[in-house]
């Protein structure tokens, strides 16, 4: 081989070696930068995971508080519903007593014919008792409606309590795995 060709071959191998080393150095530099980015992103993800675990724990506690409040509300609504049933029964009993007023009205009519001096007062009393009887009937019906509405509200609270418990159960099962 001539001298010139040998020189070109040595120069080409030298340049190839130099460019290979430059490529290796550049690659090492990029790997170092990638490693730093991976570490930074990993730390951010760990911080984010810790915050998420904290929020899941707080959410679990809040859902437990909501379920406890709904249990308390349900108990109170049942007490109110039973009280309303008692009131409705009392109003019905009072209405039964008011029906006995009809015999009193008939008797006072007889008295009015015997005692013309009190006739006008007795007639007014008769009208007042009839109005009272009508009003008591309306009040009894109204109490039945109120009682029914309290029962509907109690059923609604039962449904809401069930759904909140269904939401809280997955949180409760994840809680033992959380730090």
Protein backbone atom coordinates (compact mmCIF):
# COMPACT_ATOMS: atom_id res chain seq x y z
CA UNK A 1 0.00 0.00 0.00
CA UNK A 2 1.23 3.36 -0.84
CA UNK A 3 2.06 5.77 1.91
CA UNK A 4 -0.70 8.18 1.12
CA UNK A 5 -3.37 5.52 1.36
CA UNK A 6 -1.99 4.35 4.69
CA UNK A 7 -2.12 7.89 5.96
CA UNK A 8 -5.74 8.32 4.81
CA UNK A 9 -6.69 5.02 6.48
CA UNK A 10 -4.99 6.03 9.77
CA UNK A 11 -6.69 9.45 9.64
CA UNK A 12 -10.06 7.84 8.94
CA UNK A 13 -9.65 5.35 11.83
CA UNK A 14 -8.53 8.23 14.09
CA UNK A 15 -11.52 10.35 13.15
CA UNK A 16 -13.81 7.37 13.60
CA UNK A 17 -12.30 6.71 17.04
CA UNK A 18 -12.58 10.41 17.98
CA UNK A 19 -16.23 10.61 16.80
CA UNK A 20 -17.05 7.34 18.59
CA UNK A 21 -15.57 8.71 21.81
CA UNK A 22 -17.46 11.99 21.30
CA UNK A 23 -20.68 10.01 20.73
CA UNK A 24 -20.04 7.92 23.89
CA UNK A 25 -19.36 11.08 25.94
CA UNK A 26 -22.51 12.72 24.58
CA UNK A 27 -24.52 9.57 25.28
CA UNK A 28 -23.19 9.40 28.86
CA UNK A 29 -24.08 13.07 29.32
CA UNK A 30 -27.65 12.47 28.07
CA UNK A 31 -28.01 9.38 30.29
CA UNK A 32 -26.91 11.50 33.26
CA UNK A 33 -29.50 14.19 32.41
CA UNK A 34 -32.21 11.51 31.94
CA UNK A 35 -31.27 9.97 35.29
CA UNK A 36 -31.66 13.38 37.00
CA UNK A 37 -35.09 13.89 35.34
CA UNK A 38 -36.20 10.40 36.36
CA UNK A 39 -35.17 11.04 39.97
CA UNK A 40 -36.95 14.41 40.05
CA UNK A 41 -40.14 12.97 38.50
CA UNK A 42 -40.01 9.98 40.88
CA UNK A 43 -39.75 12.31 43.88
CA UNK A 44 -42.68 14.39 42.60
CA UNK A 45 -44.74 11.22 42.11
CA UNK A 46 -43.91 10.05 45.65
CA UNK A 47 -44.98 13.42 47.07
CA UNK A 48 -48.16 13.30 45.00
CA UNK A 49 -48.84 9.73 46.19
CA UNK A 50 -48.39 10.79 49.83
CA UNK A 51 -50.80 13.70 49.34
CA UNK A 52 -53.31 11.38 47.65
CA UNK A 53 -53.08 8.87 50.50
CA UNK A 54 -53.65 11.72 52.97
CA UNK A 55 -56.70 12.94 51.04
CA UNK A 56 -58.14 9.42 50.81
CA UNK A 57 -57.74 9.06 54.59
CA UNK A 58 -59.43 12.43 55.16
CA UNK A 59 -62.23 11.48 52.74
CA UNK A 60 -62.71 8.18 54.58
CA UNK A 61 -63.01 10.00 57.92
CA UNK A 62 -65.42 12.55 56.43
CA UNK A 63 -67.60 9.81 54.94
CA UNK A 64 -67.67 8.06 58.32
CA UNK A 65 -68.79 11.34 59.90
CA UNK A 66 -71.52 11.73 57.29
CA UNK A 67 -72.74 8.16 57.88
CA UNK A 68 -72.79 8.76 61.66
CA UNK A 69 -74.75 11.99 61.17
CA UNK A 70 -77.21 10.21 58.89
CA UNK A 71 -77.62 7.44 61.48
CA UNK A 72 -78.37 10.07 64.11
CA UNK A 73 -80.76 11.87 61.75
CA UNK A 74 -82.51 8.58 60.99
CA UNK A 75 -82.94 7.88 64.70
CA UNK A 76 -84.32 11.35 65.31
CA UNK A 77 -86.67 11.06 62.34
CA UNK A 78 -88.01 7.77 63.71
CA UNK A 79 -88.63 9.42 67.09
CA UNK A 80 -90.41 12.33 65.40
CA UNK A 81 -92.43 9.90 63.28
CA UNK A 82 -93.55 7.95 66.36
CA UNK A 83 -94.43 11.22 68.12
CA UNK A 84 -96.44 12.30 65.09
CA UNK A 85 -98.31 8.97 65.14
CA UNK A 86 -99.09 9.56 68.82
CA UNK A 87 -100.35 13.08 68.05
CA UNK A 88 -102.47 11.73 65.19
CA UNK A 89 -104.00 9.15 67.52
CA UNK A 90 -104.79 11.87 70.08
CA UNK A 91 -106.43 14.04 67.41
CA UNK A 92 -108.54 11.06 66.27
CA UNK A 93 -109.59 10.40 69.87
CA UNK A 94 -110.46 14.08 70.30
CA UNK A 95 -112.52 13.92 67.11
CA UNK A 96 -114.43 10.92 68.53
CA UNK A 97 -115.18 13.00 71.61
CA UNK A 98 -116.32 15.83 69.35
CA UNK A 99 -118.85 13.48 67.73
CA UNK A 100 -120.51 13.13 71.13
CA UNK A 101 -121.16 16.85 70.93
CA UNK A 102 -124.04 16.08 68.53
CA UNK A 103 -126.07 14.59 71.40
CA UNK A 104 -125.24 17.66 73.47
CA UNK A 105 -126.44 19.86 70.59
CA UNK A 106 -129.73 17.92 70.45
CA UNK A 107 -130.17 18.26 74.20
CA UNK A 108 -129.45 21.97 74.13
CA UNK A 109 -132.03 22.35 71.35
CA UNK A 110 -134.62 20.83 73.68
CA UNK A 111 -133.49 23.17 76.45
CA UNK A 112 -133.79 26.11 74.08
CA UNK A 113 -137.45 25.37 73.47
CA UNK A 114 -138.00 25.15 77.23
CA UNK A 115 -136.03 28.26 78.00
CA UNK A 116 -136.69 30.89 75.35
CA UNK A 117 -134.42 33.35 77.16
CA UNK A 118 -131.26 31.32 76.35
CA UNK A 119 -132.35 30.14 72.89
CA UNK A 120 -130.19 32.63 70.93
CA UNK A 121 -127.06 31.75 72.94
CA UNK A 122 -127.64 28.02 72.49
CA UNK A 123 -128.04 28.37 68.73
CA UNK A 124 -124.75 30.25 68.54
CA UNK A 125 -123.14 27.52 70.64
CA UNK A 126 -124.59 24.91 68.26
CA UNK A 127 -123.01 26.65 65.27
CA UNK A 128 -119.67 27.01 67.06
CA UNK A 129 -119.62 23.31 67.94
CA UNK A 130 -120.40 22.36 64.33
CA UNK A 131 -117.55 24.59 63.13
CA UNK A 132 -115.26 23.05 65.78
CA UNK A 133 -116.26 19.56 64.64
CA UNK A 134 -115.46 20.45 61.01
CA UNK A 135 -112.15 22.05 61.99
CA UNK A 136 -111.17 19.01 64.07
CA UNK A 137 -111.90 16.75 61.09
CA UNK A 138 -109.66 18.91 58.91
CA UNK A 139 -106.98 18.93 61.59
CA UNK A 140 -107.09 15.13 61.85
CA UNK A 141 -106.66 14.85 58.05
CA UNK A 142 -103.83 17.35 58.16
CA UNK A 143 -102.08 15.36 60.89
CA UNK A 144 -102.40 12.22 58.75
CA UNK A 145 -100.70 14.06 55.86
CA UNK A 146 -97.92 15.30 58.15
CA UNK A 147 -97.45 11.76 59.49
CA UNK A 148 -97.21 10.39 55.94
CA UNK A 149 -94.66 13.02 54.95
CA UNK A 150 -92.49 12.20 57.97
CA UNK A 151 -92.62 8.55 56.97
CA UNK A 152 -91.54 9.48 53.41
CA UNK A 153 -88.71 11.62 54.80
CA UNK A 154 -87.57 8.76 57.03
CA UNK A 155 -87.54 6.42 54.02
CA UNK A 156 -85.51 8.99 52.03
CA UNK A 157 -82.98 9.22 54.87
CA UNK A 158 -82.74 5.40 54.87
CA UNK A 159 -81.96 5.38 51.14
CA UNK A 160 -79.38 8.19 51.46
CA UNK A 161 -77.75 6.46 54.44
CA UNK A 162 -77.50 3.21 52.45
CA UNK A 163 -75.87 4.94 49.46
CA UNK A 164 -73.35 6.87 51.58
CA UNK A 165 -72.42 3.59 53.32
CA UNK A 166 -71.94 1.98 49.91
CA UNK A 167 -69.54 4.80 48.99
CA UNK A 168 -67.74 4.60 52.33
CA UNK A 169 -67.17 0.80 52.25
CA UNK A 170 -64.47 0.86 49.49
CA UNK A 171 -62.70 3.62 51.38
CA UNK A 172 -62.88 1.54 54.55
CA UNK A 173 -61.35 -1.47 52.83
CA UNK A 174 -58.48 0.65 51.46
CA UNK A 175 -57.78 2.31 54.83
CA UNK A 176 -55.80 -0.66 56.35
CA UNK A 177 -53.36 -0.53 53.43
CA UNK A 178 -52.66 3.17 53.85
CA UNK A 179 -49.75 4.36 56.01
